Amino acid sequence: MNTHTINFSLKEDAEKVLKALREIVDTFGAATVQDLHDLCGMPSTYSDQKKGWTSVNSARISITDDDTVLLTLSQAENLFEESQS
């Protein structure tokens, strides 16, 4: 299974991002990759607006042997169908 993983220094930061993603999904029905990148202070591209998650229930926070905190989400899916011209 392909995943989308973001590294953090602190578990609390990963927890805040995951909580915010859940709130976005609850409010708007989906969270985009751009939302995730904005919450993490990372740059985004135009295509990041088109992919994301309609659920983040499978997201996991883990800590590696070197104390890096990982937020792992399922692979982002296309949220919008391309219009046919």
Protein backbone atom coordinates (compact mmCIF):
# COMPACT_ATOMS: atom_id res chain seq x y z
CA MET A 1 0.00 0.00 0.00
CA ASN A 2 1.36 3.42 -0.94
CA THR A 3 1.43 6.00 1.82
CA HIS A 4 2.06 9.70 2.37
CA THR A 5 4.48 10.30 5.28
CA ILE A 6 5.57 13.52 6.98
CA ASN A 7 8.42 13.70 9.53
CA PHE A 8 8.17 15.71 12.74
CA SER A 9 10.51 16.40 15.63
CA LEU A 10 7.74 16.35 18.25
CA LYS A 11 4.80 13.98 18.65
CA GLU A 12 2.64 16.91 19.73
CA ASP A 13 3.17 18.60 16.36
CA ALA A 14 2.09 15.48 14.48
CA GLU A 15 -0.97 15.17 16.74
CA LYS A 16 -1.95 18.81 16.07
CA VAL A 17 -1.67 18.31 12.30
CA LEU A 18 -3.72 15.11 12.40
CA LYS A 19 -6.39 16.77 14.56
CA ALA A 20 -6.56 19.70 12.14
CA LEU A 21 -6.87 17.33 9.15
CA ARG A 22 -9.75 15.53 10.90
CA GLU A 23 -11.48 18.87 11.48
CA ILE A 24 -11.05 19.82 7.80
CA VAL A 25 -12.51 16.47 6.69
CA ASP A 26 -15.41 16.85 9.14
CA THR A 27 -16.13 20.39 7.93
CA PHE A 28 -15.55 20.12 4.18
CA GLY A 29 -15.77 16.40 3.46
CA ALA A 30 -12.13 16.16 2.39
CA ALA A 31 -8.65 17.44 3.20
CA THR A 32 -6.20 18.11 0.38
CA VAL A 33 -2.48 17.51 0.17
CA GLN A 34 -2.23 21.31 0.10
CA ASP A 35 -4.05 21.44 3.46
CA LEU A 36 -1.52 18.99 4.89
CA HIS A 37 1.43 20.92 3.49
CA ASP A 38 0.00 24.24 4.76
CA LEU A 39 -0.41 22.77 8.26
CA CYS A 40 3.20 21.55 8.16
CA GLY A 41 4.66 24.76 6.73
CA MET A 42 5.66 23.00 3.52
CA PRO A 43 5.36 24.37 -0.02
CA SER A 44 2.60 23.06 -2.28
CA THR A 45 2.00 22.74 -5.97
CA TYR A 46 -1.16 23.31 -7.99
CA SER A 47 -1.80 19.57 -8.19
CA ASP A 48 -1.79 19.36 -4.35
CA GLN A 49 -5.23 21.04 -4.45
CA LYS A 50 -6.66 18.12 -6.43
CA LYS A 51 -5.54 15.19 -4.27
CA GLY A 52 -6.28 14.34 -0.68
CA TRP A 53 -8.35 12.27 1.70
CA THR A 54 -12.06 11.93 2.48
CA SER A 55 -11.10 10.14 5.68
CA VAL A 56 -7.98 10.21 7.82
CA ASN A 57 -9.15 7.44 10.15
CA SER A 58 -6.33 5.15 9.00
CA ALA A 59 -3.64 7.78 9.71
CA ARG A 60 -1.00 6.72 12.20
CA ILE A 61 1.61 8.47 14.30
CA SER A 62 4.73 6.46 15.09
CA ILE A 63 8.18 7.07 16.52
CA THR A 64 11.29 5.62 14.91
CA ASP A 65 14.36 4.25 16.69
CA ASP A 66 16.08 7.63 16.21
CA ASP A 67 13.08 9.46 17.78
CA THR A 68 11.78 10.86 14.49
CA VAL A 69 8.00 11.17 14.64
CA LEU A 70 6.14 10.01 11.52
CA LEU A 71 2.62 10.91 10.50
CA THR A 72 1.57 8.34 7.93
CA LEU A 73 -1.58 8.68 5.84
CA SER A 74 -2.93 6.49 3.08
CA GLN A 75 -2.02 7.45 -0.47
CA ALA A 76 -3.81 10.66 -1.48
CA GLU A 77 -6.60 10.07 -3.97
CA ASN A 78 -7.97 12.25 -6.75
CA LEU A 79 -10.71 14.38 -5.20
CA PHE A 80 -12.03 15.88 -8.43
CA GLU A 81 -12.75 14.22 -11.73
CA GLU A 82 -11.18 15.82 -14.73
CA SER A 83 -13.79 17.36 -17.03
CA GLN A 84 -13.97 16.00 -20.55
CA SER A 85 -13.79 18.65 -23.28
